[in-house]
Protein backbone atom coordinates (compact mmCIF):
# COMPACT_ATOMS: atom_id res chain seq x y z
CA UNK A 1 137.01 65.44 48.55
CA UNK A 2 135.59 67.74 45.52
CA UNK A 3 132.19 65.39 45.74
CA UNK A 4 132.33 66.03 49.56
CA UNK A 5 132.54 69.66 49.25
CA UNK A 6 129.55 69.49 46.38
CA UNK A 7 127.18 67.62 48.74
CA UNK A 8 128.30 70.08 51.91
CA UNK A 9 127.48 72.63 49.97
CA UNK A 10 124.42 71.56 48.45
CA UNK A 11 123.31 70.63 51.99
CA UNK A 12 123.86 74.16 53.00
CA UNK A 13 121.89 75.81 50.30
CA UNK A 14 119.32 73.73 50.96
CA UNK A 15 118.91 74.37 54.61
CA UNK A 16 119.24 77.91 53.74
CA UNK A 17 116.44 77.43 51.37
CA UNK A 18 114.09 76.01 54.14
CA UNK A 19 115.14 78.87 56.52
CA UNK A 20 114.12 81.79 54.08
CA UNK A 21 110.83 79.62 52.91
CA UNK A 22 110.02 79.55 56.76
CA UNK A 23 110.80 83.26 56.85
CA UNK A 24 108.34 84.17 53.68
CA UNK A 25 105.36 82.51 53.10
CA UNK A 26 105.76 78.30 52.56
CA UNK A 27 104.48 76.47 49.52
CA UNK A 28 101.79 74.00 50.00
CA UNK A 29 102.89 71.04 47.95
CA UNK A 30 100.22 68.77 48.99
CA UNK A 31 96.79 68.08 51.12
CA UNK A 32 95.38 65.33 52.67
CA UNK A 33 92.02 65.57 54.11
CA UNK A 34 92.85 68.51 56.97
CA UNK A 35 95.97 67.96 56.90
CA UNK A 36 98.79 69.97 54.44
CA UNK A 37 102.58 69.54 53.49
CA UNK A 38 104.74 72.49 53.18
CA UNK A 39 107.46 72.44 50.87
CA UNK A 40 109.90 73.17 53.89
CA UNK A 41 108.77 70.17 55.22
CA UNK A 42 109.49 67.69 52.05
CA UNK A 43 113.23 70.06 51.89
CA UNK A 44 114.04 69.00 55.21
CA UNK A 45 113.24 65.01 54.61
CA UNK A 46 115.53 65.48 51.53
CA UNK A 47 118.70 67.19 53.48
CA UNK A 48 118.14 64.19 56.31
CA UNK A 49 118.63 62.04 53.07
CA UNK A 50 121.53 63.83 51.86
CA UNK A 51 123.28 64.03 55.22
CA UNK A 52 123.10 60.55 55.38
CA UNK A 53 125.61 60.17 52.76
CA UNK A 54 122.97 60.15 49.50
CA UNK A 55 123.94 61.19 46.33
CA UNK A 56 122.20 64.43 45.13
CA UNK A 57 119.03 63.42 43.40
CA UNK A 58 115.94 65.87 42.97
CA UNK A 59 114.00 62.82 42.30
CA UNK A 60 114.02 61.21 45.45
CA UNK A 61 112.06 64.13 46.57
CA UNK A 62 109.02 62.30 44.92
CA UNK A 63 109.54 59.45 46.97
CA UNK A 64 109.97 61.34 50.37
CA UNK A 65 106.40 63.35 49.51
CA UNK A 66 104.79 59.81 48.88
CA UNK A 67 105.92 58.69 52.29
CA UNK A 68 104.77 61.94 53.55
CA UNK A 69 101.16 61.56 52.07
CA UNK A 70 100.59 57.97 53.17
CA UNK A 71 101.62 59.32 56.89
CA UNK A 72 99.43 62.28 56.84
CA UNK A 73 96.60 59.39 55.78
CA UNK A 74 97.80 57.30 58.60
CA UNK A 75 97.58 60.48 61.09
CA UNK A 76 94.53 61.46 59.99
CA UNK A 77 93.06 57.92 60.99
CA UNK A 78 94.86 57.22 64.22
CA UNK A 79 93.42 60.55 65.72
CA UNK A 80 89.84 59.05 64.81
CA UNK A 81 91.13 55.95 66.44
CA UNK A 82 92.53 57.73 69.06
CA UNK A 83 96.07 56.81 68.65
CA UNK A 84 98.89 58.32 70.83
CA UNK A 85 102.13 57.67 71.83
CA UNK A 86 104.10 58.38 74.59
CA UNK A 87 106.35 61.76 74.97
CA UNK A 88 109.28 59.69 76.16
CA UNK A 89 109.04 57.70 72.83
CA UNK A 90 109.45 60.70 70.99
CA UNK A 91 112.26 61.65 73.12
CA UNK A 92 113.97 58.54 72.55
CA UNK A 93 113.56 58.94 68.55
CA UNK A 94 114.91 62.39 68.38
CA UNK A 95 117.87 61.48 70.63
CA UNK A 96 118.96 58.51 68.84
CA UNK A 97 118.31 60.90 65.25
CA UNK A 98 120.31 63.20 66.87
CA UNK A 99 123.37 60.81 68.26
CA UNK A 100 123.27 59.95 64.54
CA UNK A 101 123.37 63.21 62.86
CA UNK A 102 126.13 64.55 65.54
CA UNK A 103 128.45 61.53 64.26
CA UNK A 104 127.82 62.02 60.24
CA UNK A 105 128.64 65.35 61.05
CA UNK A 106 131.95 64.67 63.21
CA UNK A 107 130.28 66.39 66.50
CA UNK A 108 127.82 68.25 67.65
CA UNK A 109 129.59 72.07 67.17
CA UNK A 110 130.08 71.01 63.46
CA UNK A 111 126.26 69.97 63.20
CA UNK A 112 125.53 73.14 65.18
CA UNK A 113 127.38 75.22 62.68
CA UNK A 114 126.08 73.64 59.68
CA UNK A 115 122.62 73.75 61.25
CA UNK A 116 123.08 77.97 62.41
CA UNK A 117 121.33 76.78 65.81
CA UNK A 118 121.56 74.36 68.42
CA UNK A 119 120.55 70.80 68.72
CA UNK A 120 118.03 71.38 71.20
CA UNK A 121 116.30 73.99 68.96
CA UNK A 122 116.81 71.72 66.06
CA UNK A 123 115.04 69.00 68.29
CA UNK A 124 112.34 71.05 68.83
CA UNK A 125 111.45 71.71 65.76
CA UNK A 126 111.88 67.80 64.66
CA UNK A 127 109.58 67.15 67.28
CA UNK A 128 106.44 67.28 65.66
CA UNK A 129 107.38 65.38 62.98
CA UNK A 130 109.04 62.71 64.52
CA UNK A 131 105.78 62.32 67.03
CA UNK A 132 103.94 62.17 63.93
CA UNK A 133 105.50 59.46 62.33
CA UNK A 134 105.66 57.26 65.59
CA UNK A 135 102.05 57.92 65.37
CA UNK A 136 101.84 56.76 61.99
CA UNK A 137 103.70 53.82 62.87
CA UNK A 138 101.68 52.81 65.61
CA UNK A 139 98.30 53.32 63.56
CA UNK A 140 100.02 51.16 60.57
CA UNK A 141 100.80 47.88 63.22
CA UNK A 142 97.08 48.34 64.34
CA UNK A 143 95.97 47.64 60.79
CA UNK A 144 97.99 44.60 60.33
CA UNK A 145 97.63 43.46 64.19
CA UNK A 146 95.69 40.74 62.76
CA UNK A 147 97.62 39.48 60.14
CA UNK A 148 98.98 36.25 60.20
CA UNK A 149 100.62 33.51 57.72
CA UNK A 150 99.49 29.90 57.95
CA UNK A 151 102.15 27.11 57.27
CA UNK A 152 99.80 26.04 53.92
CA UNK A 153 100.29 30.04 53.13
CA UNK A 154 103.74 29.98 53.29
CA UNK A 155 104.14 26.96 51.20
CA UNK A 156 102.03 28.44 48.43
CA UNK A 157 104.57 31.60 48.55
CA UNK A 158 107.22 29.40 48.21
CA UNK A 159 105.76 27.55 45.22
CA UNK A 160 105.10 30.95 43.75
CA UNK A 161 108.71 31.53 43.12
CA UNK A 162 109.97 30.28 39.36
CA UNK A 163 112.49 27.61 40.13
CA UNK A 164 115.47 29.57 38.29
CA UNK A 165 114.36 32.55 40.52
CA UNK A 166 114.99 31.30 44.05
CA UNK A 167 117.37 33.44 46.34
CA UNK A 168 120.70 32.52 46.72
CA UNK A 169 121.22 32.17 50.24
CA UNK A 170 124.67 32.85 51.67
CA UNK A 171 126.69 30.42 54.12
CA UNK A 172 124.85 30.77 57.37
CA UNK A 173 126.56 29.48 61.39
CA UNK A 174 124.78 29.06 64.73
CA UNK A 175 127.62 30.55 67.07
CA UNK A 176 127.17 30.34 70.86
CA UNK A 177 128.96 32.98 73.30
CA UNK A 178 130.23 32.69 76.87
CA UNK A 179 131.30 36.63 77.20
CA UNK A 180 133.44 37.36 80.55
CA UNK A 181 134.46 40.74 81.50
CA UNK A 182 136.74 41.35 84.33
CA UNK A 183 135.22 42.41 87.87
CA UNK A 184 137.14 45.27 89.44
CA UNK A 185 137.79 44.90 93.54
CA UNK A 186 136.34 47.66 95.58
CA UNK A 187 140.35 48.96 95.95
CA UNK A 188 140.69 48.78 91.99
CA UNK A 189 137.70 50.89 91.48
CA UNK A 190 138.34 53.50 94.30
CA UNK A 191 139.92 56.05 92.58
CA UNK A 192 137.16 56.30 89.71
CA UNK A 193 134.77 57.04 92.73
CA UNK A 194 137.16 59.58 93.75
CA UNK A 195 137.47 61.12 90.41
CA UNK A 196 133.91 61.73 90.13
CA UNK A 197 133.38 62.65 94.03
CA UNK A 198 135.64 65.25 93.17
CA UNK A 199 134.03 66.46 90.11
CA UNK A 200 131.01 66.37 92.41
CA UNK A 201 131.75 68.97 94.82
CA UNK A 202 133.11 70.85 91.89
CA UNK A 203 129.54 71.28 90.65
CA UNK A 204 128.11 71.72 94.53
CA UNK A 205 130.98 74.52 94.67
CA UNK A 206 129.16 76.48 91.59
CA UNK A 207 131.22 75.33 88.29
CA UNK A 208 128.71 74.28 85.53
CA UNK A 209 127.60 70.95 85.51
CA UNK A 210 126.96 70.76 81.53
CA UNK A 211 131.22 72.09 80.86
CA UNK A 212 132.19 69.49 83.49
CA UNK A 213 129.99 66.94 81.75
CA UNK A 214 131.51 68.09 78.40
CA UNK A 215 135.01 67.94 80.01
CA UNK A 216 135.22 64.66 82.12
CA UNK A 217 132.07 62.34 80.81
CA UNK A 218 132.51 59.06 79.02
CA UNK A 219 129.54 58.73 78.36
CA UNK A 220 129.73 59.23 74.15
CA UNK A 221 126.31 59.35 73.56
CA UNK A 222 125.67 62.63 75.92
CA UNK A 223 128.88 64.20 76.89
CA UNK A 224 128.86 66.44 73.74
CA UNK A 225 125.35 67.24 74.98
CA UNK A 226 126.58 68.52 78.16
CA UNK A 227 125.32 65.26 79.98
CA UNK A 228 121.77 65.82 79.06
CA UNK A 229 119.45 62.62 78.36
CA UNK A 230 116.36 64.79 77.93
CA UNK A 231 113.48 63.36 78.97
CA UNK A 232 113.18 59.78 80.72
CA UNK A 233 110.55 57.29 82.22
CA UNK A 234 111.00 54.49 84.50
CA UNK A 235 111.52 52.16 81.80
CA UNK A 236 114.21 54.16 79.99
CA UNK A 237 117.88 53.57 82.17
CA UNK A 238 119.04 50.53 84.65
CA UNK A 239 117.30 50.68 87.89
CA UNK A 240 120.23 52.06 89.62
CA UNK A 241 120.19 55.47 87.37
CA UNK A 242 116.30 55.36 87.54
CA UNK A 243 115.80 54.92 91.19
CA UNK A 244 118.14 58.17 91.75
CA UNK A 245 116.21 59.94 88.80
CA UNK A 246 112.86 59.65 90.23
CA UNK A 247 113.87 60.08 93.87
CA UNK A 248 115.39 63.75 93.30
CA UNK A 249 113.16 66.61 92.65
CA UNK A 250 114.24 69.47 89.88
CA UNK A 251 117.99 70.95 90.80
CA UNK A 252 118.87 68.50 92.80
CA UNK A 253 121.94 65.84 92.08
CA UNK A 254 122.53 62.54 93.18
CA UNK A 255 125.71 61.27 94.83
CA UNK A 256 128.11 59.26 93.12
CA UNK A 257 126.40 56.19 92.56
CA UNK A 258 127.74 52.78 90.44
CA UNK A 259 125.56 50.92 87.38
CA UNK A 260 127.23 48.42 85.17
CA UNK A 261 128.35 51.09 83.32
CA UNK A 262 130.75 52.49 85.60
CA UNK A 263 130.08 55.60 88.03
CA UNK A 264 127.40 58.32 87.86
CA UNK A 265 126.23 61.60 89.03
CA UNK A 266 122.45 62.52 87.73
CA UNK A 267 121.04 65.99 88.13
CA UNK A 268 117.26 66.58 87.53
CA UNK A 269 116.53 69.74 85.22
CA UNK A 270 113.03 69.47 85.15
CA UNK A 271 110.13 67.03 86.29
CA UNK A 272 106.56 66.18 84.07
CA UNK A 273 104.56 63.70 86.12
CA UNK A 274 106.07 60.18 85.59
CA UNK A 275 109.00 61.70 83.22
CA UNK A 276 112.54 63.49 84.16
CA UNK A 277 114.51 65.80 82.07
CA UNK A 278 117.58 64.57 83.39
CA UNK A 279 121.70 64.96 82.66
CA UNK A 280 124.87 62.86 83.94
CA UNK A 281 128.29 62.74 83.88
CA UNK A 282 129.83 59.21 83.76
CA UNK A 283 133.06 57.63 84.57
CA UNK A 284 134.15 54.57 83.37
CA UNK A 285 136.77 52.02 85.41
CA UNK A 286 139.73 50.43 83.90
CA UNK A 287 140.65 47.40 83.69
CA UNK A 288 143.95 46.61 85.51
CA UNK A 289 146.44 43.92 84.32
CA UNK A 290 145.41 41.96 87.90
CA UNK A 291 141.42 41.68 87.01
CA UNK A 292 142.17 40.59 83.13
CA UNK A 293 144.19 37.82 84.74
CA UNK A 294 141.52 36.61 87.26
CA UNK A 295 138.72 36.62 84.43
CA UNK A 296 141.10 34.59 82.62
CA UNK A 297 141.68 31.75 84.93
CA UNK A 298 138.30 31.77 85.62
CA UNK A 299 137.63 31.30 81.72
CA UNK A 300 140.15 28.48 81.42
CA UNK A 301 138.46 26.63 84.25
CA UNK A 302 134.84 27.08 82.58
CA UNK A 303 136.34 26.00 79.41
CA UNK A 304 137.72 22.85 81.02
CA UNK A 305 134.59 21.90 82.62
CA UNK A 306 132.55 22.06 79.38
CA UNK A 307 135.02 19.78 77.32
CA UNK A 308 135.49 17.62 79.98
CA UNK A 309 131.24 17.30 79.76
CA UNK A 310 131.02 18.49 83.32
CA UNK A 311 128.76 21.15 82.19
CA UNK A 312 126.49 21.95 79.38
CA UNK A 313 127.53 24.83 77.08
CA UNK A 314 124.32 26.31 77.68
CA UNK A 315 124.17 25.45 81.32
CA UNK A 316 127.43 27.73 81.67
CA UNK A 317 126.31 30.33 79.25
CA UNK A 318 123.58 30.97 81.96
CA UNK A 319 125.94 30.72 85.03
CA UNK A 320 128.86 33.07 83.73
CA UNK A 321 128.08 34.96 80.68
CA UNK A 322 127.93 38.79 80.98
CA UNK A 323 125.85 39.04 77.71
CA UNK A 324 122.32 39.08 79.01
CA UNK A 325 120.68 39.21 75.54
CA UNK A 326 122.12 35.66 74.85
CA UNK A 327 122.42 34.38 78.34
CA UNK A 328 119.57 32.48 78.93
CA UNK A 329 119.17 31.66 75.05
CA UNK A 330 121.80 28.96 75.81
CA UNK A 331 124.73 31.91 74.37
CA UNK A 332 123.33 31.86 70.89
CA UNK A 333 123.88 34.78 69.23
CA UNK A 334 120.93 36.44 67.52
CA UNK A 335 120.60 38.05 64.20
CA UNK A 336 117.67 40.49 63.11
CA UNK A 337 117.54 41.66 59.12
CA UNK A 338 114.64 43.40 59.98
CA UNK A 339 112.87 44.93 63.19
CA UNK A 340 110.34 42.20 63.78
CA UNK A 341 111.85 38.96 64.15
CA UNK A 342 115.52 37.42 65.16
CA UNK A 343 117.00 34.08 64.53
CA UNK A 344 119.99 32.05 65.70
CA UNK A 345 121.25 31.44 61.98
CA UNK A 346 123.91 34.23 61.32
CA UNK A 347 124.78 35.26 57.84
CA UNK A 348 128.90 34.71 57.82
CA UNK A 349 129.41 38.24 56.06
CA UNK A 350 127.17 39.95 59.10
CA UNK A 351 129.45 38.16 61.82
CA UNK A 352 132.62 40.44 63.29
CA UNK A 353 135.36 39.95 62.31
CA UNK A 354 136.79 39.08 65.24
CA UNK A 355 134.39 36.25 66.08
CA UNK A 356 134.66 34.76 62.62
CA UNK A 357 138.26 34.27 62.65
CA UNK A 358 137.75 32.10 65.58
CA UNK A 359 134.99 30.02 64.63
CA UNK A 360 136.37 29.86 60.49
CA UNK A 361 138.70 26.85 61.37
CA UNK A 362 135.99 24.96 64.28
CA UNK A 363 134.47 22.24 63.56
CA UNK A 364 130.91 22.05 64.10
CA UNK A 365 130.20 20.87 67.50
CA UNK A 366 132.94 22.01 68.73
CA UNK A 367 133.99 24.80 71.63
CA UNK A 368 136.75 27.47 71.64
CA UNK A 369 139.82 27.80 74.09
CA UNK A 370 138.81 31.27 75.87
CA UNK A 371 139.74 34.16 73.29
CA UNK A 372 140.48 37.58 74.67
CA UNK A 373 138.62 40.45 72.92
CA UNK A 374 137.84 44.07 72.91
CA UNK A 375 134.02 45.34 71.91
CA UNK A 376 133.95 47.85 69.10
CA UNK A 377 131.20 49.69 70.62
CA UNK A 378 132.41 50.35 74.24
CA UNK A 379 136.11 48.98 74.31
CA UNK A 380 135.34 46.46 77.06
CA UNK A 381 138.03 43.72 77.29
CA UNK A 382 137.39 40.16 78.42
CA UNK A 383 137.45 36.96 77.03
CA UNK A 384 134.83 34.85 74.98
CA UNK A 385 134.13 31.02 74.44
CA UNK A 386 132.62 30.21 71.65
CA UNK A 387 130.64 27.27 70.47
CA UNK A 388 130.16 26.41 66.73
CA UNK A 389 126.33 24.41 66.96
CA UNK A 390 126.00 24.45 62.93
CA UNK A 391 127.45 25.61 59.80
CA UNK A 392 125.02 25.86 56.81
CA UNK A 393 127.30 26.45 53.13
CA UNK A 394 125.93 28.78 50.70
CA UNK A 395 122.71 26.78 48.54
CA UNK A 396 119.27 28.08 46.41
CA UNK A 397 116.57 28.94 49.08
CA UNK A 398 114.70 25.82 49.88
CA UNK A 399 111.30 25.86 52.07
CA UNK A 400 113.06 23.09 54.55
CA UNK A 401 116.25 24.99 55.22
CA UNK A 402 114.95 28.41 54.70
CA UNK A 403 111.09 28.09 56.49
CA UNK A 404 111.68 31.12 58.72
CA UNK A 405 112.85 33.07 55.78
CA UNK A 406 110.24 32.60 53.65
CA UNK A 407 107.68 32.97 56.45
CA UNK A 408 108.77 36.10 57.00
CA UNK A 409 108.49 37.18 53.54
CA UNK A 410 105.23 36.03 52.75
CA UNK A 411 104.18 37.70 56.36
CA UNK A 412 105.36 41.00 55.03
CA UNK A 413 103.88 40.41 51.68
CA UNK A 414 100.49 39.75 53.07
CA UNK A 415 100.76 43.09 55.63
CA UNK A 416 101.59 45.37 52.75
CA UNK A 417 98.71 43.98 50.42
CA UNK A 418 96.36 44.51 53.85
CA UNK A 419 97.78 47.92 53.69
CA UNK A 420 97.55 48.44 50.05
CA UNK A 421 93.49 47.72 50.54
CA UNK A 422 93.56 49.89 53.46
CA UNK A 423 94.76 53.11 51.41
CA UNK A 424 92.73 52.39 48.33
CA UNK A 425 89.53 52.31 50.70
CA UNK A 426 91.16 56.00 52.64
CA UNK A 427 91.51 57.51 48.99
CA UNK A 428 88.53 57.14 47.84
CA UNK A 429 86.73 59.20 50.71
CA UNK A 430 89.76 61.32 51.43
CA UNK A 431 90.45 64.96 49.63
CA UNK A 432 94.00 64.66 48.24
CA UNK A 433 95.61 67.48 46.11
CA UNK A 434 99.29 67.37 45.02
CA UNK A 435 101.07 70.60 43.38
CA UNK A 436 101.21 70.58 39.99
CA UNK A 437 105.04 70.57 40.61
CA UNK A 438 104.87 66.86 41.76
CA UNK A 439 102.05 65.44 39.56
CA UNK A 440 104.53 64.10 37.02
CA UNK A 441 106.31 61.83 39.59
CA UNK A 442 105.86 57.99 38.87
CA UNK A 443 105.90 57.37 42.78
CA UNK A 444 102.22 59.43 42.92
CA UNK A 445 100.77 58.48 39.51
CA UNK A 446 98.69 55.32 40.83
CA UNK A 447 98.24 56.52 44.62
CA UNK A 448 96.54 60.04 43.94
CA UNK A 449 93.53 60.98 41.60
CA UNK A 450 93.29 63.71 39.94
CA UNK A 451 91.25 66.86 41.30
CA UNK A 452 88.29 66.75 38.88
CA UNK A 453 87.63 70.57 39.44
CA UNK A 454 91.18 71.22 37.73
């Protein structure tokens, strides 16, 4: 408890320090070309680092300053190459970060109390830096877009490993699933429709939309913010939601409508061309014992068809699974250990414990009986049928078994070399200065050339 309090205290002092610096003359800690980096910006990055649960360590600022220098250099090139990002992308990234911060602090009110400002004010302050970061990412992607590795390069990369340094690969499995959620009848859903329609009428009678969203909305991502989603474009939401968001004028509110998530009402706050600033209220219909029994009988029937060879597992997944991500992939679960590639081989330790319990005793090639489940993400209930396609025991990395892994590593290494070469060239032609306070940072010694005028 004392450690938690000390970190919280450090965070509060840091934010007060940032605010004090902004109120007075802010210190320039680095210059990259025509771009400057302020001490308050560096402290803000460090504050986010602390708020993510990391230990208090002033040396981390060296790393953050290095990353900010890299970002400024990429931004400078992006301006030359006319690289831009859509405002909707910035909105999405800001919303994602705010949801994480709210979760870390235990609610929006606690976060706002801690920041001494509203979430909307904080988002406005963060917006320039978030936008710059997205532009830098896009610039980096452009620099490496034609970087690929050949099978021969992957083989050479693998052979570069000392035999006693090959990585230990943990147990992995390939697991297919058919996910089936209960379907409510119109009569079973009617009371949820009526509940939301009554809320809509209260808003039309003059009650505050934001207050009612905080009170009744069952969308964990927006309820605490009064249902506010920020700006969206036509690709952000499911089609039914998008249809109403771009049909309404500013200030107008939709009737109750249904999506896969439940019943909604949406209000448009502002329109900017192909973007709409919206807020909504969501009511999720709850399963009934009858609906659960219906889906169980259907799952049992599908299971019997699969084990009797009347229906291949992959076909059953495409016809009946409610998991859109795996429905047309033969029902196979996908695992991503980075942002660029996914594989059907899932590390056992990354499996949902409820899934592991089922497949742990299964033989390769076997099908499980329907298993009742409840999602940890959204609380949805239903039944799953599992297929254990393969199981690879723990082993030393080998090119034959683990080619995709070594290909990904070789790809990252080659991209890193391309970026290093790019930075070396740009550093030679770009004015870079770092405040003396940070020039002893190991992370910066090789990256920054000394100012000859000193």
